[in-house]
């Protein structure tokens, strides 16, 4: 009976050692014992207690001859509120502000005002019965304005935004679009 107890204890110890050593050794792989190497359990403990190096140096800027930073001189600019007006008021007021935001001049404004007065009378719901053109810029087909916003049927700002983008992309400026409209009857 004592022999059975001893065998049981040794068997348990062997299984515990196999779990710590790893699956390769536990499955009977041949290894050469290195008597100076720490045990796997000691290696795990050492890794768990390892401290990381101090990385606070990463927060400071580098100071070397190769990485000398020159001071940047920033141009003084006006604040956004000094040149941007609110997009409120009549469609003409909104279009005027949006036109100036694009960098176009007052002379371009007079061309845009003439063009859209002729096309739609600045009416958000203006519809051409024969062609199907719609809105302030008289987009054809009207659904093109959906690229500027899903509220294109009812929102004059969305229609104006699309119209100005269309003019910029197709003609370059409102005066060029007005000139084309005067010559051909459409823009």
N, C-alpha and C. Protein backbone atom coordinates (compact mmCIF):
# COMPACT_ATOMS: atom_id res chain seq x y z
N UNK A 1 0.80 -1.18 0.00
CA UNK A 1 0.00 0.00 0.00
C UNK A 1 0.85 1.25 0.00
N UNK A 2 1.92 1.24 0.68
CA UNK A 2 2.80 2.39 0.70
C UNK A 2 3.36 2.63 -0.70
N UNK A 3 3.65 1.54 -1.40
CA UNK A 3 4.15 1.70 -2.76
C UNK A 3 3.13 2.42 -3.63
N UNK A 4 1.85 2.15 -3.50
CA UNK A 4 0.80 2.80 -4.29
C UNK A 4 0.70 4.29 -3.98
N UNK A 5 0.84 4.61 -2.72
CA UNK A 5 0.80 6.01 -2.33
C UNK A 5 1.99 6.75 -2.90
N UNK A 6 3.16 6.15 -2.84
CA UNK A 6 4.36 6.78 -3.37
C UNK A 6 4.23 6.95 -4.88
N UNK A 7 3.74 5.95 -5.56
CA UNK A 7 3.57 6.05 -7.01
C UNK A 7 2.56 7.14 -7.36
N UNK A 8 1.51 7.23 -6.57
CA UNK A 8 0.50 8.28 -6.82
C UNK A 8 1.08 9.67 -6.63
N UNK A 9 1.87 9.85 -5.60
CA UNK A 9 2.49 11.15 -5.34
C UNK A 9 3.48 11.48 -6.44
N UNK A 10 4.28 10.52 -6.85
CA UNK A 10 5.24 10.77 -7.92
C UNK A 10 4.52 11.06 -9.24
N UNK A 11 3.43 10.36 -9.50
CA UNK A 11 2.66 10.61 -10.73
C UNK A 11 2.09 12.00 -10.74
N UNK A 12 1.58 12.47 -9.64
CA UNK A 12 1.03 13.84 -9.54
C UNK A 12 2.13 14.87 -9.72
N UNK A 13 3.28 14.63 -9.13
CA UNK A 13 4.40 15.55 -9.26
C UNK A 13 4.87 15.61 -10.70
N UNK A 14 4.88 14.48 -11.39
CA UNK A 14 5.31 14.45 -12.80
C UNK A 14 4.33 15.23 -13.66
N UNK A 15 3.03 15.08 -13.39
CA UNK A 15 2.03 15.83 -14.17
C UNK A 15 2.14 17.33 -13.92
N UNK A 16 2.39 17.73 -12.68
CA UNK A 16 2.54 19.15 -12.36
C UNK A 16 3.77 19.70 -13.04
N UNK A 17 4.86 18.94 -13.05
CA UNK A 17 6.09 19.39 -13.71
C UNK A 17 5.86 19.51 -15.21
N UNK A 18 5.11 18.59 -15.78
CA UNK A 18 4.83 18.64 -17.22
C UNK A 18 4.01 19.88 -17.55
N UNK A 19 3.09 20.27 -16.70
CA UNK A 19 2.27 21.46 -16.96
C UNK A 19 3.12 22.72 -16.91
N UNK A 20 4.10 22.78 -16.02
CA UNK A 20 4.95 23.95 -15.91
C UNK A 20 5.97 23.99 -17.03
N UNK A 21 6.53 22.85 -17.41
CA UNK A 21 7.59 22.79 -18.40
C UNK A 21 7.05 23.09 -19.79
N UNK A 22 5.89 22.60 -20.13
CA UNK A 22 5.31 22.90 -21.43
C UNK A 22 4.94 21.64 -22.16
N UNK A 23 4.14 21.79 -23.23
CA UNK A 23 3.62 20.63 -23.94
C UNK A 23 4.69 19.84 -24.67
N UNK A 24 5.74 20.46 -25.16
CA UNK A 24 6.76 19.74 -25.93
C UNK A 24 7.50 18.76 -25.04
N UNK A 25 7.91 19.20 -23.87
CA UNK A 25 8.64 18.33 -22.96
C UNK A 25 7.69 17.30 -22.36
N UNK A 26 6.47 17.70 -22.06
CA UNK A 26 5.50 16.79 -21.47
C UNK A 26 5.17 15.64 -22.41
N UNK A 27 5.22 15.88 -23.71
CA UNK A 27 4.90 14.84 -24.68
C UNK A 27 6.09 13.94 -24.97
N UNK A 28 7.18 14.12 -24.29
CA UNK A 28 8.30 13.22 -24.42
C UNK A 28 9.38 13.67 -25.37
N UNK A 29 9.42 14.92 -25.77
CA UNK A 29 10.47 15.39 -26.66
C UNK A 29 11.79 15.38 -25.91
N UNK A 30 12.82 15.07 -26.64
CA UNK A 30 14.13 15.01 -26.00
C UNK A 30 14.69 16.41 -25.88
N UNK A 31 15.15 16.72 -24.71
CA UNK A 31 15.82 18.01 -24.48
C UNK A 31 17.09 17.74 -23.73
N UNK A 32 18.02 18.59 -23.90
CA UNK A 32 19.27 18.48 -23.15
C UNK A 32 19.18 19.42 -21.97
N UNK A 33 19.36 18.92 -20.83
CA UNK A 33 19.21 19.77 -19.66
C UNK A 33 20.31 20.81 -19.60
N UNK A 34 19.89 22.03 -19.35
CA UNK A 34 20.83 23.13 -19.13
C UNK A 34 20.73 23.47 -17.65
N UNK A 35 21.73 23.05 -16.90
CA UNK A 35 21.66 23.18 -15.45
C UNK A 35 21.77 24.64 -15.00
N UNK A 36 22.27 25.52 -15.85
CA UNK A 36 22.42 26.93 -15.47
C UNK A 36 21.19 27.75 -15.82
N UNK A 37 20.29 27.24 -16.68
CA UNK A 37 19.11 28.00 -17.11
C UNK A 37 18.07 28.00 -15.99
N UNK A 38 17.37 29.15 -15.83
CA UNK A 38 16.32 29.19 -14.82
C UNK A 38 15.13 28.34 -15.26
N UNK A 39 14.37 27.88 -14.32
CA UNK A 39 13.19 27.08 -14.64
C UNK A 39 12.14 27.93 -15.33
N UNK A 40 11.24 27.31 -16.09
CA UNK A 40 10.19 28.08 -16.75
C UNK A 40 9.34 28.88 -15.77
N UNK A 41 9.08 28.34 -14.62
CA UNK A 41 8.30 29.08 -13.62
C UNK A 41 9.05 30.32 -13.18
N UNK A 42 10.37 30.20 -12.99
CA UNK A 42 11.18 31.35 -12.59
C UNK A 42 11.21 32.39 -13.70
N UNK A 43 11.23 31.94 -14.97
CA UNK A 43 11.21 32.87 -16.10
C UNK A 43 9.90 33.64 -16.14
N UNK A 44 8.78 32.96 -15.88
CA UNK A 44 7.48 33.65 -15.88
C UNK A 44 7.43 34.69 -14.78
N UNK A 45 7.92 34.37 -13.61
CA UNK A 45 7.93 35.33 -12.50
C UNK A 45 8.79 36.52 -12.86
N UNK A 46 9.96 36.27 -13.48
CA UNK A 46 10.85 37.37 -13.85
C UNK A 46 10.19 38.30 -14.87
N UNK A 47 9.48 37.74 -15.82
CA UNK A 47 8.80 38.57 -16.83
C UNK A 47 7.70 39.40 -16.19
N UNK A 48 6.98 38.81 -15.26
CA UNK A 48 5.88 39.53 -14.63
C UNK A 48 6.37 40.68 -13.77
N UNK A 49 7.57 40.61 -13.26
CA UNK A 49 8.10 41.66 -12.40
C UNK A 49 9.04 42.60 -13.14
N UNK A 50 9.13 42.46 -14.45
CA UNK A 50 10.01 43.32 -15.22
C UNK A 50 9.43 44.74 -15.24
N UNK A 51 10.26 45.73 -15.10
CA UNK A 51 9.81 47.12 -15.15
C UNK A 51 10.14 47.70 -16.51
N UNK A 52 9.28 48.56 -16.98
CA UNK A 52 9.47 49.19 -18.28
C UNK A 52 10.37 50.40 -18.13
N UNK A 53 11.10 50.73 -19.15
CA UNK A 53 11.96 51.92 -19.06
C UNK A 53 11.12 53.19 -18.99
N UNK A 54 11.73 54.21 -18.45
CA UNK A 54 11.06 55.50 -18.33
C UNK A 54 10.94 56.12 -19.73
N UNK A 55 9.72 56.35 -20.20
CA UNK A 55 9.50 56.87 -21.55
C UNK A 55 9.07 58.33 -21.55
N UNK A 56 9.28 59.00 -20.44
CA UNK A 56 8.89 60.41 -20.40
C UNK A 56 9.69 61.27 -21.36
N UNK A 57 10.84 60.79 -21.78
CA UNK A 57 11.65 61.55 -22.73
C UNK A 57 10.93 61.74 -24.06
N UNK A 58 9.96 60.89 -24.35
CA UNK A 58 9.21 61.02 -25.61
C UNK A 58 8.31 62.25 -25.62
N UNK A 59 7.96 62.74 -24.45
CA UNK A 59 7.08 63.89 -24.36
C UNK A 59 7.81 65.20 -24.62
N UNK A 60 9.12 65.23 -24.46
CA UNK A 60 9.90 66.44 -24.65
C UNK A 60 10.35 66.55 -26.09
N UNK A 61 10.42 67.75 -26.64
CA UNK A 61 10.92 67.88 -28.01
C UNK A 61 12.40 67.54 -28.07
N UNK A 62 12.82 67.04 -29.20
CA UNK A 62 14.23 66.66 -29.37
C UNK A 62 15.06 67.92 -29.51
N UNK A 63 16.21 67.94 -28.87
CA UNK A 63 17.12 69.09 -28.93
C UNK A 63 18.46 68.61 -29.47
N UNK A 64 18.58 68.58 -30.74
CA UNK A 64 19.86 68.20 -31.33
C UNK A 64 20.12 69.10 -32.53
N UNK A 65 21.33 69.02 -33.03
CA UNK A 65 21.70 69.86 -34.17
C UNK A 65 20.89 69.47 -35.40
N UNK A 66 20.56 68.20 -35.53
CA UNK A 66 19.82 67.75 -36.72
C UNK A 66 18.36 68.16 -36.67
N UNK A 67 17.79 68.29 -35.48
CA UNK A 67 16.37 68.53 -35.34
C UNK A 67 16.10 69.92 -34.76
N UNK A 68 16.73 70.92 -35.29
CA UNK A 68 16.50 72.27 -34.81
C UNK A 68 15.22 72.81 -35.45
N UNK A 69 14.30 73.23 -34.64
CA UNK A 69 13.02 73.74 -35.14
C UNK A 69 13.09 75.26 -35.24
N UNK A 70 12.69 75.76 -36.39
CA UNK A 70 12.67 77.20 -36.57
C UNK A 70 11.31 77.73 -36.14
N UNK A 71 11.30 78.92 -35.63
CA UNK A 71 10.04 79.54 -35.24
C UNK A 71 9.26 79.88 -36.50
N UNK A 72 7.99 79.60 -36.49
CA UNK A 72 7.13 79.92 -37.63
C UNK A 72 6.46 81.26 -37.39
N UNK A 73 6.48 82.05 -38.42
CA UNK A 73 5.82 83.35 -38.32
C UNK A 73 4.44 83.21 -38.96
N UNK A 74 3.42 83.42 -38.16
CA UNK A 74 2.06 83.27 -38.65
C UNK A 74 1.53 84.61 -39.11
N UNK A 75 0.80 84.54 -40.20
CA UNK A 75 0.20 85.73 -40.75
C UNK A 75 -1.02 86.10 -39.92
N UNK A 76 -1.15 87.36 -39.63
CA UNK A 76 -2.32 87.81 -38.87
C UNK A 76 -3.55 87.69 -39.76
N UNK A 77 -4.59 87.10 -39.22
CA UNK A 77 -5.83 86.92 -39.98
C UNK A 77 -6.99 87.46 -39.18
N UNK A 78 -7.99 87.83 -39.92
CA UNK A 78 -9.22 88.27 -39.26
C UNK A 78 -9.95 87.05 -38.74
N UNK A 79 -10.71 87.23 -37.71
CA UNK A 79 -11.48 86.10 -37.21
C UNK A 79 -12.60 85.78 -38.20
N UNK A 80 -13.14 84.59 -38.09
CA UNK A 80 -14.20 84.17 -39.02
C UNK A 80 -15.40 85.11 -38.94
N UNK A 81 -15.70 85.59 -37.78
CA UNK A 81 -16.90 86.43 -37.63
C UNK A 81 -16.75 87.77 -38.31
N UNK A 82 -15.54 88.21 -38.58
CA UNK A 82 -15.37 89.53 -39.17
C UNK A 82 -15.68 89.56 -40.66
N UNK A 83 -15.60 88.41 -41.35
CA UNK A 83 -15.91 88.43 -42.77
C UNK A 83 -17.01 87.46 -43.16
N UNK A 84 -17.50 86.69 -42.24
CA UNK A 84 -18.60 85.78 -42.56
C UNK A 84 -19.88 86.29 -41.93
N UNK A 85 -20.84 86.50 -42.78
CA UNK A 85 -22.14 86.89 -42.28
C UNK A 85 -23.00 85.64 -42.15
N UNK A 86 -24.00 85.73 -41.31
CA UNK A 86 -24.88 84.58 -41.10
C UNK A 86 -25.69 84.32 -42.36
N UNK A 87 -26.01 83.06 -42.58
CA UNK A 87 -26.82 82.68 -43.73
C UNK A 87 -28.29 82.73 -43.34
N UNK A 88 -28.77 83.93 -43.15
CA UNK A 88 -30.18 84.14 -42.85
C UNK A 88 -30.71 85.25 -43.74
N UNK A 89 -32.00 85.31 -43.83
CA UNK A 89 -32.62 86.35 -44.63
C UNK A 89 -33.18 85.80 -45.93
N UNK A 90 -33.36 86.68 -46.88
CA UNK A 90 -33.93 86.29 -48.16
C UNK A 90 -32.93 85.44 -48.94
N UNK A 91 -33.42 84.70 -49.93
CA UNK A 91 -32.50 83.91 -50.76
C UNK A 91 -31.41 84.77 -51.40
N UNK A 92 -31.74 86.01 -51.77
CA UNK A 92 -30.73 86.90 -52.35
C UNK A 92 -29.64 87.22 -51.34
N UNK A 93 -30.03 87.49 -50.08
CA UNK A 93 -29.05 87.81 -49.04
C UNK A 93 -28.13 86.62 -48.79
N UNK A 94 -28.72 85.44 -48.74
CA UNK A 94 -27.93 84.22 -48.52
C UNK A 94 -26.99 83.99 -49.69
N UNK A 95 -27.49 84.11 -50.91
CA UNK A 95 -26.66 83.88 -52.10
C UNK A 95 -25.52 84.90 -52.17
N UNK A 96 -25.80 86.14 -51.80
CA UNK A 96 -24.75 87.17 -51.81
C UNK A 96 -23.63 86.79 -50.85
N UNK A 97 -23.99 86.37 -49.64
CA UNK A 97 -22.99 85.97 -48.65
C UNK A 97 -22.20 84.75 -49.14
N UNK A 98 -22.87 83.77 -49.72
CA UNK A 98 -22.20 82.56 -50.20
C UNK A 98 -21.29 82.87 -51.39
N UNK A 99 -21.70 83.77 -52.25
CA UNK A 99 -20.88 84.18 -53.38
C UNK A 99 -19.59 84.84 -52.90
N UNK A 100 -19.70 85.72 -51.91
CA UNK A 100 -18.51 86.38 -51.38
C UNK A 100 -17.60 85.38 -50.67
N UNK A 101 -18.17 84.39 -50.02
CA UNK A 101 -17.37 83.35 -49.36
C UNK A 101 -16.55 82.56 -50.37
N UNK A 102 -17.04 82.44 -51.57
CA UNK A 102 -16.30 81.74 -52.62
C UNK A 102 -15.18 82.59 -53.20
N UNK A 103 -15.13 83.85 -52.82
CA UNK A 103 -14.07 84.73 -53.31
C UNK A 103 -14.44 85.50 -54.56
N UNK A 104 -15.70 85.45 -54.96
CA UNK A 104 -16.13 86.21 -56.13
C UNK A 104 -16.41 87.65 -55.73
N UNK A 105 -16.37 88.54 -56.69
CA UNK A 105 -16.50 89.98 -56.43
C UNK A 105 -17.95 90.45 -56.49
N UNK A 106 -18.15 91.70 -56.16
CA UNK A 106 -19.49 92.31 -56.23
C UNK A 106 -20.02 92.33 -57.67
N UNK A 107 -19.13 92.47 -58.65
CA UNK A 107 -19.61 92.45 -60.04
C UNK A 107 -20.17 91.07 -60.39
N UNK A 108 -19.61 90.03 -59.81
CA UNK A 108 -20.15 88.69 -60.02
C UNK A 108 -21.53 88.57 -59.36
N UNK A 109 -21.70 89.29 -58.25
CA UNK A 109 -23.01 89.26 -57.59
C UNK A 109 -24.09 89.84 -58.49
N UNK A 110 -23.80 90.93 -59.14
CA UNK A 110 -24.82 91.53 -60.02
C UNK A 110 -25.17 90.59 -61.17
N UNK A 111 -24.21 89.84 -61.68
CA UNK A 111 -24.48 88.86 -62.74
C UNK A 111 -25.35 87.72 -62.21
N UNK A 112 -25.03 87.23 -61.00
CA UNK A 112 -25.82 86.14 -60.42
C UNK A 112 -27.25 86.60 -60.15
N UNK A 113 -27.39 87.80 -59.62
CA UNK A 113 -28.72 88.33 -59.34
C UNK A 113 -29.54 88.42 -60.62
N UNK A 114 -28.94 88.92 -61.71
CA UNK A 114 -29.65 89.01 -62.99
C UNK A 114 -30.00 87.62 -63.53
N UNK A 115 -29.06 86.68 -63.42
CA UNK A 115 -29.27 85.34 -63.95
C UNK A 115 -30.42 84.64 -63.23
N UNK A 116 -30.40 84.61 -61.92
CA UNK A 116 -31.43 83.87 -61.19
C UNK A 116 -32.74 84.64 -61.09
N UNK A 117 -32.72 85.96 -61.25
CA UNK A 117 -33.98 86.70 -61.35
C UNK A 117 -34.69 86.30 -62.63
N UNK A 118 -33.94 86.13 -63.71
CA UNK A 118 -34.50 85.71 -64.99
C UNK A 118 -34.96 84.25 -64.94
N UNK A 119 -34.17 83.38 -64.33
CA UNK A 119 -34.47 81.95 -64.32
C UNK A 119 -35.66 81.59 -63.44
N UNK A 120 -35.67 82.09 -62.19
CA UNK A 120 -36.68 81.63 -61.23
C UNK A 120 -37.34 82.74 -60.43
N UNK A 121 -36.89 83.96 -60.60
CA UNK A 121 -37.40 85.05 -59.76
C UNK A 121 -37.03 84.83 -58.29
N UNK A 122 -35.98 84.06 -58.05
CA UNK A 122 -35.50 83.74 -56.70
C UNK A 122 -36.52 82.95 -55.90
N UNK A 123 -37.38 82.23 -56.55
CA UNK A 123 -38.41 81.42 -55.88
C UNK A 123 -37.90 80.00 -55.66
N UNK A 124 -37.97 79.54 -54.41
CA UNK A 124 -37.50 78.21 -54.04
C UNK A 124 -38.28 77.11 -54.76
N UNK A 125 -39.58 77.32 -54.97
CA UNK A 125 -40.43 76.29 -55.56
C UNK A 125 -40.70 76.53 -57.04
N UNK A 126 -39.92 77.38 -57.68
CA UNK A 126 -40.12 77.67 -59.10
C UNK A 126 -39.93 76.41 -59.92
N UNK A 127 -40.88 76.15 -60.81
CA UNK A 127 -40.82 74.95 -61.63
C UNK A 127 -41.17 75.30 -63.06
N UNK A 128 -40.36 74.83 -63.99
CA UNK A 128 -40.62 75.05 -65.41
C UNK A 128 -41.45 73.88 -65.91
N UNK A 129 -42.68 74.17 -66.29
CA UNK A 129 -43.61 73.13 -66.72
C UNK A 129 -43.16 72.38 -67.96
N UNK A 130 -42.47 73.02 -68.88
CA UNK A 130 -42.10 72.36 -70.12
C UNK A 130 -40.81 71.54 -69.98
N UNK A 131 -39.82 72.03 -69.24
CA UNK A 131 -38.55 71.31 -69.14
C UNK A 131 -38.41 70.49 -67.86
N UNK A 132 -39.10 70.88 -66.80
CA UNK A 132 -38.96 70.20 -65.52
C UNK A 132 -37.89 70.80 -64.64
N UNK A 133 -37.25 71.89 -65.08
CA UNK A 133 -36.24 72.56 -64.26
C UNK A 133 -36.90 73.06 -62.98
N UNK A 134 -36.12 73.08 -61.87
CA UNK A 134 -36.72 73.36 -60.57
C UNK A 134 -35.78 74.19 -59.70
N UNK A 135 -36.41 74.98 -58.85
CA UNK A 135 -35.70 75.71 -57.81
C UNK A 135 -35.10 77.02 -58.27
N UNK A 136 -34.39 77.65 -57.36
CA UNK A 136 -33.77 78.95 -57.64
C UNK A 136 -32.80 78.86 -58.82
N UNK A 137 -31.93 77.86 -58.88
CA UNK A 137 -31.00 77.80 -60.01
C UNK A 137 -31.58 77.11 -61.24
N UNK A 138 -32.83 76.61 -61.15
CA UNK A 138 -33.49 75.90 -62.25
C UNK A 138 -32.66 74.71 -62.72
N UNK A 139 -32.39 73.80 -61.79
CA UNK A 139 -31.62 72.60 -62.08
C UNK A 139 -32.43 71.65 -62.95
N UNK A 140 -31.76 71.05 -63.91
CA UNK A 140 -32.41 70.11 -64.82
C UNK A 140 -31.52 68.89 -65.01
N UNK A 141 -31.87 67.71 -64.58
CA UNK A 141 -33.06 67.42 -63.80
C UNK A 141 -32.92 67.96 -62.38
N UNK A 142 -34.05 68.19 -61.77
CA UNK A 142 -34.07 68.80 -60.44
C UNK A 142 -33.34 67.96 -59.40
N UNK A 143 -33.36 66.65 -59.57
CA UNK A 143 -32.75 65.75 -58.58
C UNK A 143 -31.24 65.91 -58.49
N UNK A 144 -30.61 66.60 -59.42
CA UNK A 144 -29.18 66.88 -59.34
C UNK A 144 -28.83 67.59 -58.03
N UNK A 145 -29.78 68.41 -57.56
CA UNK A 145 -29.51 69.19 -56.35
C UNK A 145 -29.41 68.33 -55.10
N UNK A 146 -29.80 67.07 -55.18
CA UNK A 146 -29.68 66.17 -54.03
C UNK A 146 -28.23 66.00 -53.61
N UNK A 147 -27.28 66.25 -54.51
CA UNK A 147 -25.86 66.15 -54.15
C UNK A 147 -25.46 67.22 -53.14
N UNK A 148 -26.24 68.28 -53.04
CA UNK A 148 -25.95 69.34 -52.07
C UNK A 148 -26.68 69.13 -50.75
N UNK A 149 -27.70 68.29 -50.75
CA UNK A 149 -28.45 68.03 -49.52
C UNK A 149 -29.78 67.37 -49.82
N UNK A 150 -30.25 66.59 -48.87
CA UNK A 150 -31.50 65.86 -49.08
C UNK A 150 -32.73 66.77 -49.04
N UNK A 151 -32.55 67.99 -48.54
CA UNK A 151 -33.67 68.94 -48.45
C UNK A 151 -33.72 69.88 -49.66
N UNK A 152 -33.20 69.46 -50.79
CA UNK A 152 -33.08 70.31 -51.96
C UNK A 152 -34.41 70.84 -52.48
N UNK A 153 -35.51 70.13 -52.23
CA UNK A 153 -36.82 70.58 -52.73
C UNK A 153 -37.33 71.81 -52.00
N UNK A 154 -36.96 71.97 -50.72
CA UNK A 154 -37.56 73.00 -49.88
C UNK A 154 -36.58 74.01 -49.29
N UNK A 155 -35.29 73.74 -49.33
CA UNK A 155 -34.32 74.61 -48.67
C UNK A 155 -33.58 75.48 -49.69
N UNK A 156 -33.79 76.79 -49.64
CA UNK A 156 -33.12 77.67 -50.60
C UNK A 156 -31.60 77.66 -50.45
N UNK A 157 -31.08 77.44 -49.23
CA UNK A 157 -29.63 77.42 -49.04
C UNK A 157 -29.02 76.22 -49.77
N UNK A 158 -29.67 75.09 -49.70
CA UNK A 158 -29.19 73.90 -50.42
C UNK A 158 -29.21 74.15 -51.92
N UNK A 159 -30.28 74.75 -52.42
CA UNK A 159 -30.38 75.05 -53.85
C UNK A 159 -29.31 76.05 -54.29
N UNK A 160 -29.08 77.07 -53.48
CA UNK A 160 -28.07 78.09 -53.82
C UNK A 160 -26.68 77.47 -53.79
N UNK A 161 -26.42 76.65 -52.80
CA UNK A 161 -25.12 75.98 -52.70
C UNK A 161 -24.86 75.13 -53.95
N UNK A 162 -25.85 74.35 -54.34
CA UNK A 162 -25.68 73.54 -55.54
C UNK A 162 -25.50 74.43 -56.76
N UNK A 163 -26.32 75.48 -56.88
CA UNK A 163 -26.25 76.37 -58.04
C UNK A 163 -24.90 77.05 -58.18
N UNK A 164 -24.33 77.50 -57.07
CA UNK A 164 -23.02 78.15 -57.14
C UNK A 164 -21.93 77.15 -57.53
N UNK A 165 -22.03 75.92 -57.01
CA UNK A 165 -21.06 74.89 -57.38
C UNK A 165 -21.18 74.54 -58.86
N UNK A 166 -22.42 74.46 -59.34
CA UNK A 166 -22.64 74.18 -60.76
C UNK A 166 -22.05 75.28 -61.63
N UNK A 167 -22.29 76.52 -61.28
CA UNK A 167 -21.76 77.65 -62.05
C UNK A 167 -20.24 77.64 -62.04
N UNK A 168 -19.65 77.42 -60.86
CA UNK A 168 -18.19 77.40 -60.76
C UNK A 168 -17.59 76.28 -61.61
N UNK A 169 -18.19 75.11 -61.57
CA UNK A 169 -17.66 73.97 -62.32
C UNK A 169 -17.90 74.06 -63.81
N UNK A 170 -19.02 74.62 -64.22
CA UNK A 170 -19.38 74.65 -65.64
C UNK A 170 -18.92 75.90 -66.37
N UNK A 171 -18.94 77.04 -65.69
CA UNK A 171 -18.66 78.30 -66.36
C UNK A 171 -17.52 79.10 -65.72
N UNK A 172 -17.20 78.80 -64.48
CA UNK A 172 -16.12 79.52 -63.80
C UNK A 172 -16.57 80.69 -62.98
N UNK A 173 -17.64 81.34 -63.42
CA UNK A 173 -18.13 82.51 -62.68
C UNK A 173 -19.58 82.81 -63.07
N UNK A 174 -20.30 83.53 -62.22
CA UNK A 174 -21.68 83.92 -62.57
C UNK A 174 -21.77 84.78 -63.82
N UNK A 175 -20.80 85.66 -64.05
CA UNK A 175 -20.85 86.51 -65.25
C UNK A 175 -20.69 85.68 -66.52
N UNK A 176 -19.86 84.66 -66.47
CA UNK A 176 -19.71 83.77 -67.63
C UNK A 176 -20.99 82.97 -67.84
N UNK A 177 -21.64 82.55 -66.77
CA UNK A 177 -22.91 81.83 -66.89
C UNK A 177 -23.99 82.74 -67.45
N UNK A 178 -24.04 83.99 -67.00
CA UNK A 178 -25.02 84.96 -67.52
C UNK A 178 -24.78 85.22 -69.00
N UNK A 179 -23.54 85.32 -69.39
CA UNK A 179 -23.21 85.54 -70.80
C UNK A 179 -23.68 84.37 -71.65
N UNK A 180 -23.46 83.15 -71.17
CA UNK A 180 -23.92 81.96 -71.90
C UNK A 180 -25.44 81.94 -71.98
N UNK A 181 -26.08 82.26 -70.87
CA UNK A 181 -27.56 82.27 -70.84
C UNK A 181 -28.12 83.31 -71.81
N UNK A 182 -27.46 84.46 -71.88
CA UNK A 182 -27.93 85.52 -72.80
C UNK A 182 -27.77 85.11 -74.26
N UNK A 183 -26.71 84.36 -74.54
CA UNK A 183 -26.45 83.94 -75.92
C UNK A 183 -27.30 82.75 -76.35
N UNK A 184 -27.51 81.78 -75.45
CA UNK A 184 -28.15 80.52 -75.84
C UNK A 184 -29.53 80.31 -75.21
N UNK A 185 -29.90 81.11 -74.25
CA UNK A 185 -31.23 80.96 -73.63
C UNK A 185 -31.24 80.01 -72.44
N UNK A 186 -30.12 79.45 -72.11
CA UNK A 186 -30.01 78.56 -70.94
C UNK A 186 -28.57 78.62 -70.45
N UNK A 187 -28.36 78.11 -69.25
CA UNK A 187 -26.99 77.98 -68.75
C UNK A 187 -26.80 76.64 -68.13
